[in-house]
């Protein structure tokens, strides 16, 4: 009987499945696996979405590390996707559920940007109290911007209030001006500065807008429309070939929120004709060359009969008697002539200037222009009180009284007006004439 022989020295091995045996035979060595993992990590850092790794090809001891690196690759892909969306301003996305510390900074930035967006939206609605914190230099810049916007808004509100106040004042003055001139003989024309359209005329009948067919149309109509004087206030005259003469007061104004010019037009044809008729020697003062009292009597008689509106300035030249007594009549006459010369240079040749007595003069302008004469008198005083190299380097002293005469309601004669002006001068305190003021006559 044959005995069976069993080799007990070798343990029995279970046969491996064919696929596992094949993979085992294809696995990389440990050194090769480390090289493969290093390359995989570099791919993740360059572009995680494109990085690929076959775990089964690694040496068995390296496969656990490979699985961990695959988890790191998935985390990197999610991190890149999240940061990219934030960089493009997609702030409405929800915060990632991943609690890795790598996401903490981006989550904080995401929350800050969403809060900043809400604050910026409030700023666009005019809420400049918004303040940003915990964002370093950006917080400083944002808070400075909102502070400047708040300050600018306050300044704009103040400017708007001032502009509204000015507009109300202008409107009230405009309405007052219209009321004053609506029923008077003067023309009041308001002309748009941009298109030369007539915005208002006190001679228009109700509902009438066409000046060409208006019976009150001025012959200098087109000259008024095209006038482009840049002075704040200007008094000028025009004389037509037909002989008609007009004095115009022009100034800029805001008329119903449109930049405009106002022209107040007075017909001074009769005044000019009388002036030309009365300009011979019988009506002139020989010493000064201006009109005399005889001229003033006849001229004012005509003006008052026609019930014209005028403004009269009565002037008293002080110190004449003292100069005559100290230096003689000739020096006194020169003193008067110097005064007359300066006054005439500051008024138009068509304005009436007459000598009433030795040291009394009268200036007459058509229309109610007291403010104009006040300004001119101030300029004349400045000229007299400025020492220069001329023969009369002295300080000239004079007083004046201005009367506005409403033609329709006036019942005073020229003598009445002169008495009234003289009484006004007597109430004024005369400026003393010092000897040093007349030293220039030596």
Protein backbone atom coordinates (compact mmCIF):
# COMPACT_ATOMS: atom_id res chain seq x y z
CA UNK A 1 0.00 0.00 0.00
CA UNK A 2 1.46 3.23 -1.07
CA UNK A 3 1.44 6.10 1.47
CA UNK A 4 0.55 9.62 0.36
CA UNK A 5 3.28 12.28 0.88
CA UNK A 6 2.21 15.74 2.10
CA UNK A 7 4.70 18.66 2.27
CA UNK A 8 3.75 20.35 5.52
CA UNK A 9 6.58 22.91 5.29
CA UNK A 10 4.76 25.27 2.83
CA UNK A 11 1.46 26.94 3.77
CA UNK A 12 -1.36 26.54 1.38
CA UNK A 13 -2.14 29.71 -0.69
CA UNK A 14 -5.56 30.58 -2.06
CA UNK A 15 -5.50 31.32 -5.74
CA UNK A 16 -5.86 35.10 -6.59
CA UNK A 17 -8.57 36.37 -8.95
CA UNK A 18 -7.16 37.03 -12.40
CA UNK A 19 -7.92 40.87 -12.39
CA UNK A 20 -6.30 41.50 -9.02
CA UNK A 21 -3.33 39.52 -9.99
CA UNK A 22 -3.03 41.59 -13.18
CA UNK A 23 -3.24 44.91 -11.26
CA UNK A 24 -0.72 43.66 -8.74
CA UNK A 25 1.60 42.85 -11.54
CA UNK A 26 1.04 46.43 -13.07
CA UNK A 27 1.41 48.50 -9.76
CA UNK A 28 4.15 51.10 -9.63
CA UNK A 29 7.01 50.82 -7.23
CA UNK A 30 7.05 53.04 -4.17
CA UNK A 31 9.57 55.37 -5.77
CA UNK A 32 7.52 55.65 -8.96
CA UNK A 33 4.34 56.24 -6.90
CA UNK A 34 6.01 59.12 -5.06
CA UNK A 35 6.98 60.68 -8.37
CA UNK A 36 3.41 60.23 -9.63
CA UNK A 37 1.99 61.87 -6.48
CA UNK A 38 4.43 64.79 -6.73
CA UNK A 39 3.35 65.43 -10.33
CA UNK A 40 -0.30 65.17 -9.25
CA UNK A 41 0.22 67.82 -6.56
CA UNK A 42 1.84 70.18 -9.08
CA UNK A 43 -1.14 69.65 -11.44
CA UNK A 44 -3.52 70.53 -8.60
CA UNK A 45 -1.66 73.76 -7.93
CA UNK A 46 -1.69 74.68 -11.65
CA UNK A 47 -5.26 73.70 -12.48
CA UNK A 48 -7.08 71.46 -10.04
CA UNK A 49 -9.91 70.72 -12.46
CA UNK A 50 -7.51 69.14 -14.95
CA UNK A 51 -5.49 67.11 -12.41
CA UNK A 52 -6.01 63.29 -12.69
CA UNK A 53 -4.68 60.37 -10.62
CA UNK A 54 -5.18 56.58 -10.93
CA UNK A 55 -5.11 55.30 -7.38
CA UNK A 56 -4.89 51.64 -8.45
CA UNK A 57 -1.63 52.22 -10.24
CA UNK A 58 0.10 53.38 -7.08
CA UNK A 59 2.10 51.11 -4.89
CA UNK A 60 -0.21 49.81 -2.13
CA UNK A 61 1.58 51.74 0.64
CA UNK A 62 1.00 55.03 -1.30
CA UNK A 63 -2.68 54.57 -2.09
CA UNK A 64 -3.95 56.10 1.17
CA UNK A 65 -1.89 59.23 0.45
CA UNK A 66 -3.28 59.31 -3.08
CA UNK A 67 -6.87 59.20 -1.76
CA UNK A 68 -6.08 62.09 0.61
CA UNK A 69 -4.62 64.10 -2.27
CA UNK A 70 -7.76 63.45 -4.32
CA UNK A 71 -9.82 64.93 -1.44
CA UNK A 72 -7.46 67.93 -1.43
CA UNK A 73 -7.97 68.26 -5.20
CA UNK A 74 -11.79 68.33 -4.77
CA UNK A 75 -11.41 70.98 -2.05
CA UNK A 76 -9.19 73.09 -4.32
CA UNK A 77 -11.72 72.88 -7.18
CA UNK A 78 -14.52 74.07 -4.88
CA UNK A 79 -12.34 76.83 -3.45
CA UNK A 80 -11.38 78.14 -6.90
CA UNK A 81 -15.01 78.05 -8.06
CA UNK A 82 -16.17 79.96 -4.96
CA UNK A 83 -13.48 82.65 -5.17
CA UNK A 84 -14.09 83.09 -8.91
CA UNK A 85 -17.80 83.74 -8.36
CA UNK A 86 -16.99 86.29 -5.66
CA UNK A 87 -14.45 88.05 -7.91
CA UNK A 88 -17.16 88.43 -10.57
CA UNK A 89 -19.57 89.99 -8.07
CA UNK A 90 -21.93 87.02 -7.72
CA UNK A 91 -22.71 87.79 -4.10
CA UNK A 92 -26.20 86.31 -3.96
CA UNK A 93 -24.79 82.75 -3.79
CA UNK A 94 -25.08 80.92 -0.50
CA UNK A 95 -22.04 80.41 1.69
CA UNK A 96 -20.32 77.03 1.12
CA UNK A 97 -21.17 74.29 3.64
CA UNK A 98 -17.54 73.18 3.72
CA UNK A 99 -16.12 74.03 7.13
CA UNK A 100 -12.48 73.88 6.08
CA UNK A 101 -10.39 76.75 7.45
CA UNK A 102 -9.35 77.52 3.85
CA UNK A 103 -12.84 78.95 3.30
CA UNK A 104 -12.98 81.18 6.39
CA UNK A 105 -11.30 84.23 4.82
CA UNK A 106 -13.43 84.06 1.65
CA UNK A 107 -16.59 83.61 3.70
CA UNK A 108 -15.75 86.73 5.71
CA UNK A 109 -15.00 88.67 2.52
CA UNK A 110 -18.25 87.40 0.98
CA UNK A 111 -20.27 88.56 3.99
CA UNK A 112 -18.52 91.97 4.04
CA UNK A 113 -19.14 92.50 0.33
CA UNK A 114 -22.82 91.64 0.69
CA UNK A 115 -23.14 94.08 3.57
CA UNK A 116 -21.19 96.71 1.61
CA UNK A 117 -23.55 96.25 -1.34
CA UNK A 118 -26.55 96.94 0.88
CA UNK A 119 -24.85 100.02 2.30
CA UNK A 120 -23.96 101.29 -1.18
CA UNK A 121 -27.60 100.87 -2.21
CA UNK A 122 -28.61 102.99 0.77
CA UNK A 123 -26.09 105.65 -0.25
CA UNK A 124 -27.59 105.82 -3.74
CA UNK A 125 -30.93 106.55 -2.04
CA UNK A 126 -29.38 109.51 -0.22
CA UNK A 127 -28.55 107.88 3.11
CA UNK A 128 -25.05 109.22 3.76
CA UNK A 129 -24.93 107.98 7.37
CA UNK A 130 -23.65 104.57 6.25
CA UNK A 131 -20.29 103.57 7.77
CA UNK A 132 -18.02 100.63 6.90
CA UNK A 133 -15.89 98.91 9.55
CA UNK A 134 -13.33 96.10 9.66
CA UNK A 135 -12.20 96.63 6.05
CA UNK A 136 -9.03 98.61 6.66
CA UNK A 137 -8.14 101.27 4.07
CA UNK A 138 -11.36 100.62 2.19
CA UNK A 139 -13.34 101.54 5.31
CA UNK A 140 -11.42 104.83 5.56
CA UNK A 141 -12.03 105.65 1.87
CA UNK A 142 -15.73 104.69 1.94
CA UNK A 143 -16.45 106.64 5.11
CA UNK A 144 -14.61 109.69 3.73
CA UNK A 145 -16.72 109.46 0.55
CA UNK A 146 -20.04 109.34 2.46
CA UNK A 147 -18.92 112.24 4.68
CA UNK A 148 -18.05 114.35 1.61
CA UNK A 149 -21.33 113.43 -0.06
CA UNK A 150 -23.23 114.44 3.07
CA UNK A 151 -21.38 117.77 3.23
CA UNK A 152 -21.96 118.38 -0.47
CA UNK A 153 -25.65 117.60 -0.11
CA UNK A 154 -25.94 120.08 2.75
CA UNK A 155 -24.19 122.77 0.67
CA UNK A 156 -26.46 122.07 -2.29
CA UNK A 157 -29.53 122.31 -0.08
CA UNK A 158 -28.32 125.67 1.24
CA UNK A 159 -27.62 126.90 -2.30
CA UNK A 160 -31.07 125.74 -3.43
CA UNK A 161 -32.68 127.60 -0.55
CA UNK A 162 -30.73 130.75 -1.37
CA UNK A 163 -31.62 130.42 -5.06
CA UNK A 164 -35.28 129.96 -4.20
CA UNK A 165 -35.13 133.00 -1.95
CA UNK A 166 -33.49 135.06 -4.70
CA UNK A 167 -36.08 133.84 -7.18
CA UNK A 168 -38.88 134.90 -4.85
CA UNK A 169 -37.31 138.33 -4.40
CA UNK A 170 -36.79 138.73 -8.14
CA UNK A 171 -40.36 137.66 -8.79
CA UNK A 172 -41.72 140.15 -6.27
CA UNK A 173 -39.63 142.99 -7.76
CA UNK A 174 -40.69 141.97 -11.24
CA UNK A 175 -44.35 142.04 -10.30
CA UNK A 176 -43.88 145.41 -8.59
CA UNK A 177 -42.11 146.78 -11.69
CA UNK A 178 -44.92 145.58 -13.93
CA UNK A 179 -47.57 147.09 -11.65
CA UNK A 180 -45.77 150.44 -11.59
CA UNK A 181 -45.39 150.68 -15.36
CA UNK A 182 -48.53 148.92 -16.52
CA UNK A 183 -50.62 152.08 -16.81
CA UNK A 184 -47.86 154.61 -17.49
CA UNK A 185 -46.73 156.26 -20.69
CA UNK A 186 -43.37 154.48 -20.71
CA UNK A 187 -42.99 151.24 -22.59
CA UNK A 188 -41.91 148.16 -20.66
CA UNK A 189 -40.51 145.39 -22.85
CA UNK A 190 -39.10 142.12 -21.54
CA UNK A 191 -36.99 140.33 -24.16
CA UNK A 192 -35.65 136.78 -23.96
CA UNK A 193 -31.84 136.94 -24.12
CA UNK A 194 -31.49 133.73 -26.16
CA UNK A 195 -34.11 133.97 -28.91
CA UNK A 196 -35.05 137.71 -28.73
CA UNK A 197 -38.70 136.81 -28.12
CA UNK A 198 -40.84 139.46 -26.39
CA UNK A 199 -42.01 137.89 -23.14
CA UNK A 200 -43.98 140.88 -21.90
CA UNK A 201 -45.07 144.32 -23.09
CA UNK A 202 -47.20 146.67 -21.00
CA UNK A 203 -48.80 148.07 -24.17
CA UNK A 204 -50.18 144.74 -25.36
CA UNK A 205 -53.90 144.38 -25.36
CA UNK A 206 -55.21 141.34 -23.49
CA UNK A 207 -54.32 138.18 -25.42
CA UNK A 208 -52.42 140.10 -28.10
CA UNK A 209 -48.91 138.81 -28.84
CA UNK A 210 -48.00 140.23 -32.24
CA UNK A 211 -45.98 143.46 -31.95
CA UNK A 212 -45.94 143.99 -35.71
CA UNK A 213 -49.64 144.82 -35.80
CA UNK A 214 -49.76 146.61 -32.42
CA UNK A 215 -50.80 150.25 -32.62
CA UNK A 216 -48.30 151.06 -29.84
CA UNK A 217 -45.37 149.42 -31.65
CA UNK A 218 -42.14 151.36 -31.18
CA UNK A 219 -40.17 152.51 -34.22
CA UNK A 220 -36.99 151.26 -32.45
CA UNK A 221 -38.57 147.83 -31.89
CA UNK A 222 -35.86 145.85 -33.69
CA UNK A 223 -33.04 147.78 -31.98
CA UNK A 224 -34.43 146.75 -28.60
CA UNK A 225 -34.68 143.10 -29.60
CA UNK A 226 -31.08 143.00 -30.84
CA UNK A 227 -29.58 145.03 -27.98
CA UNK A 228 -26.84 142.97 -26.32
CA UNK A 229 -25.29 145.36 -23.81
CA UNK A 230 -23.34 143.56 -21.12
CA UNK A 231 -23.57 146.29 -18.47
CA UNK A 232 -25.56 145.52 -15.36
CA UNK A 233 -27.50 148.77 -15.75
CA UNK A 234 -27.38 151.08 -18.75
CA UNK A 235 -29.13 154.28 -19.78
CA UNK A 236 -28.89 155.00 -23.48
CA UNK A 237 -30.65 157.06 -26.13
CA UNK A 238 -31.72 156.61 -29.72
CA UNK A 239 -32.81 159.17 -32.28
CA UNK A 240 -34.70 158.13 -35.42
CA UNK A 241 -34.28 159.76 -38.82
CA UNK A 242 -37.83 161.02 -38.38
CA UNK A 243 -36.68 163.05 -35.38
CA UNK A 244 -38.23 160.86 -32.66
CA UNK A 245 -35.96 160.51 -29.62
CA UNK A 246 -36.06 157.87 -26.91
CA UNK A 247 -34.26 157.33 -23.64
CA UNK A 248 -33.96 153.65 -22.68
CA UNK A 249 -33.10 152.10 -19.33
CA UNK A 250 -31.92 148.52 -19.87
CA UNK A 251 -30.88 145.85 -17.39
CA UNK A 252 -30.80 142.03 -17.16
CA UNK A 253 -33.43 140.15 -15.19
CA UNK A 254 -34.75 136.64 -14.56
CA UNK A 255 -38.29 136.61 -15.99
CA UNK A 256 -40.30 133.49 -15.21
CA UNK A 257 -37.12 131.40 -14.95
CA UNK A 258 -35.82 132.66 -18.30
CA UNK A 259 -32.75 134.93 -18.63
CA UNK A 260 -34.08 138.17 -20.10
CA UNK A 261 -33.49 141.88 -20.57
CA UNK A 262 -35.85 144.66 -19.51
CA UNK A 263 -36.13 147.86 -21.55
CA UNK A 264 -37.99 150.86 -20.09
CA UNK A 265 -38.48 153.27 -22.97
CA UNK A 266 -39.35 156.98 -22.60
CA UNK A 267 -40.21 159.29 -25.49
CA UNK A 268 -38.07 162.42 -25.03
CA UNK A 269 -38.75 163.93 -28.45
CA UNK A 270 -40.38 167.05 -26.99
CA UNK A 271 -37.55 167.48 -24.51
CA UNK A 272 -34.94 167.28 -27.27
CA UNK A 273 -36.83 169.67 -29.53
CA UNK A 274 -37.17 172.21 -26.72
CA UNK A 275 -33.50 171.85 -25.86
CA UNK A 276 -32.49 172.52 -29.47
CA UNK A 277 -34.90 175.43 -29.71
CA UNK A 278 -33.64 177.01 -26.48
CA UNK A 279 -29.93 176.52 -27.03
CA UNK A 280 -29.06 180.04 -28.19
CA UNK A 281 -27.20 182.66 -26.16
CA UNK A 282 -30.34 184.00 -24.47
CA UNK A 283 -30.67 180.70 -22.65
CA UNK A 284 -27.02 180.08 -21.73
CA UNK A 285 -24.99 181.05 -18.70
CA UNK A 286 -22.03 183.04 -20.06
CA UNK A 287 -19.55 182.02 -17.34
CA UNK A 288 -20.14 178.24 -17.43
CA UNK A 289 -21.71 177.53 -20.83
CA UNK A 290 -24.63 175.61 -19.31
CA UNK A 291 -28.28 176.66 -19.49
CA UNK A 292 -29.47 179.57 -17.39
CA UNK A 293 -32.52 180.16 -15.20
CA UNK A 294 -34.51 181.55 -18.12
CA UNK A 295 -34.03 178.32 -20.03
CA UNK A 296 -34.97 176.28 -16.97
CA UNK A 297 -38.18 178.27 -16.48
CA UNK A 298 -39.38 177.71 -20.05
CA UNK A 299 -38.17 174.12 -20.27
CA UNK A 300 -39.78 173.08 -16.98
CA UNK A 301 -42.95 174.95 -17.87
CA UNK A 302 -43.29 172.75 -20.96
CA UNK A 303 -42.44 169.58 -19.03
CA UNK A 304 -44.91 170.27 -16.22
CA UNK A 305 -47.70 171.21 -18.63
CA UNK A 306 -47.24 167.90 -20.44
CA UNK A 307 -47.31 166.12 -17.06
CA UNK A 308 -44.12 164.22 -17.81
CA UNK A 309 -42.37 162.20 -15.13
CA UNK A 310 -39.02 163.76 -14.28
CA UNK A 311 -36.27 163.55 -11.67
CA UNK A 312 -34.73 166.84 -10.57
CA UNK A 313 -31.43 167.19 -8.73
CA UNK A 314 -30.79 170.53 -7.01
CA UNK A 315 -27.09 171.19 -6.25
CA UNK A 316 -25.49 173.72 -3.89
CA UNK A 317 -21.75 174.28 -4.49
CA UNK A 318 -20.26 175.25 -1.14
CA UNK A 319 -17.30 177.49 -0.47
CA UNK A 320 -17.74 179.87 -3.43
CA UNK A 321 -18.12 183.00 -1.29
CA UNK A 322 -15.08 182.03 0.84
CA UNK A 323 -12.90 181.51 -2.23
CA UNK A 324 -14.06 184.82 -3.75
CA UNK A 325 -13.22 186.63 -0.54
CA UNK A 326 -9.81 185.00 -0.07
CA UNK A 327 -8.52 184.76 -3.64
CA UNK A 328 -10.74 186.90 -5.83
CA UNK A 329 -13.70 186.43 -8.16
CA UNK A 330 -11.62 184.98 -10.98
CA UNK A 331 -10.45 182.05 -8.85
CA UNK A 332 -14.01 181.57 -7.63
CA UNK A 333 -15.27 181.42 -11.23
CA UNK A 334 -12.64 178.80 -12.02
CA UNK A 335 -13.79 176.83 -9.02
CA UNK A 336 -17.37 176.87 -10.36
CA UNK A 337 -16.30 175.99 -13.90
CA UNK A 338 -14.35 173.00 -12.61
CA UNK A 339 -17.47 171.79 -10.81
CA UNK A 340 -19.63 172.23 -13.92
CA UNK A 341 -17.11 170.38 -16.07
CA UNK A 342 -17.11 167.27 -13.88
CA UNK A 343 -20.92 167.19 -13.61
CA UNK A 344 -21.37 167.49 -17.38
CA UNK A 345 -18.90 164.67 -18.02
CA UNK A 346 -20.99 162.32 -15.91
CA UNK A 347 -24.30 162.98 -17.68
CA UNK A 348 -25.47 162.89 -21.27
CA UNK A 349 -25.53 166.01 -23.37
CA UNK A 350 -29.29 165.61 -23.70
CA UNK A 351 -29.81 165.87 -19.95
CA UNK A 352 -30.81 169.36 -18.82
CA UNK A 353 -28.23 171.12 -16.62
CA UNK A 354 -28.85 174.75 -15.67
CA UNK A 355 -27.37 177.36 -13.36
CA UNK A 356 -30.05 178.78 -11.08
CA UNK A 357 -27.88 181.21 -9.05
CA UNK A 358 -24.17 181.85 -8.50
CA UNK A 359 -23.59 178.60 -6.63
CA UNK A 360 -26.94 176.84 -7.23
CA UNK A 361 -27.54 174.43 -10.12
CA UNK A 362 -30.35 172.19 -11.30
CA UNK A 363 -30.13 168.88 -13.21
CA UNK A 364 -33.28 167.44 -14.86
CA UNK A 365 -33.68 163.93 -16.30
CA UNK A 366 -36.81 162.48 -17.84
CA UNK A 367 -38.37 159.57 -15.94
CA UNK A 368 -38.08 158.42 -12.37
CA UNK A 369 -34.34 157.71 -12.15
CA UNK A 370 -33.46 158.82 -8.65
CA UNK A 371 -31.27 155.74 -8.10
CA UNK A 372 -29.27 156.60 -11.24
CA UNK A 373 -28.62 160.18 -10.11
CA UNK A 374 -27.67 158.97 -6.62
CA UNK A 375 -25.04 156.72 -8.13
CA UNK A 376 -23.72 159.45 -10.40
CA UNK A 377 -23.52 161.94 -7.54
CA UNK A 378 -21.48 159.45 -5.55
CA UNK A 379 -19.06 159.10 -8.47
CA UNK A 380 -18.81 162.90 -8.85
CA UNK A 381 -18.00 163.33 -5.17
CA UNK A 382 -15.26 160.73 -5.49
CA UNK A 383 -13.74 162.65 -8.41
CA UNK A 384 -13.88 165.97 -6.52
CA UNK A 385 -12.41 164.52 -3.35
CA UNK A 386 -9.48 162.85 -5.10
CA UNK A 387 -6.39 165.09 -5.17
CA UNK A 388 -4.59 165.10 -8.52
CA UNK A 389 -2.08 167.10 -10.56
CA UNK A 390 -4.64 169.43 -12.05
CA UNK A 391 -4.73 173.12 -11.25
CA UNK A 392 -7.54 172.58 -8.75
CA UNK A 393 -6.01 170.00 -6.44
CA UNK A 394 -8.54 170.78 -3.71
CA UNK A 395 -11.49 169.08 -2.11
CA UNK A 396 -14.71 170.41 -3.55
CA UNK A 397 -17.74 170.28 -1.30
CA UNK A 398 -21.35 170.30 -2.47
CA UNK A 399 -24.76 169.25 -1.27
CA UNK A 400 -27.68 168.04 -3.33
CA UNK A 401 -31.36 167.17 -3.09
CA UNK A 402 -33.20 164.82 -5.46
CA UNK A 403 -36.93 165.11 -6.20
CA UNK A 404 -38.96 162.65 -8.26
CA UNK A 405 -41.94 164.35 -9.91
CA UNK A 406 -44.94 162.20 -10.85
CA UNK A 407 -46.36 164.02 -13.86
CA UNK A 408 -49.98 162.95 -13.54
CA UNK A 409 -50.26 163.75 -9.84
CA UNK A 410 -47.96 166.79 -9.66
CA UNK A 411 -49.45 170.23 -9.01
CA UNK A 412 -46.25 172.06 -8.07
CA UNK A 413 -44.60 174.77 -10.14
CA UNK A 414 -40.87 175.03 -10.72
CA UNK A 415 -40.59 177.58 -7.93
CA UNK A 416 -42.39 175.20 -5.58
CA UNK A 417 -39.99 172.41 -6.45
CA UNK A 418 -36.93 174.63 -6.02
CA UNK A 419 -38.19 175.83 -2.64
CA UNK A 420 -38.77 172.25 -1.57
CA UNK A 421 -35.26 171.26 -2.68
CA UNK A 422 -33.72 174.28 -0.94
CA UNK A 423 -35.53 173.39 2.28
CA UNK A 424 -34.16 169.88 2.03
CA UNK A 425 -30.63 171.27 1.62
CA UNK A 426 -31.05 173.50 4.68
CA UNK A 427 -31.85 170.42 6.75
CA UNK A 428 -28.58 168.84 5.65
CA UNK A 429 -25.47 169.58 7.66
CA UNK A 430 -22.94 171.39 5.41
CA UNK A 431 -19.43 170.00 5.24
CA UNK A 432 -16.98 172.68 6.46
CA UNK A 433 -14.53 173.93 3.82
CA UNK A 434 -11.05 173.99 5.36
CA UNK A 435 -8.29 176.29 4.17
CA UNK A 436 -6.24 173.21 3.28
CA UNK A 437 -9.03 172.25 0.87
CA UNK A 438 -8.38 175.36 -1.24
CA UNK A 439 -4.60 175.61 -1.02
CA UNK A 440 -4.46 174.54 -4.63
CA UNK A 441 -5.55 178.06 -5.65
CA UNK A 442 -2.26 179.70 -4.52
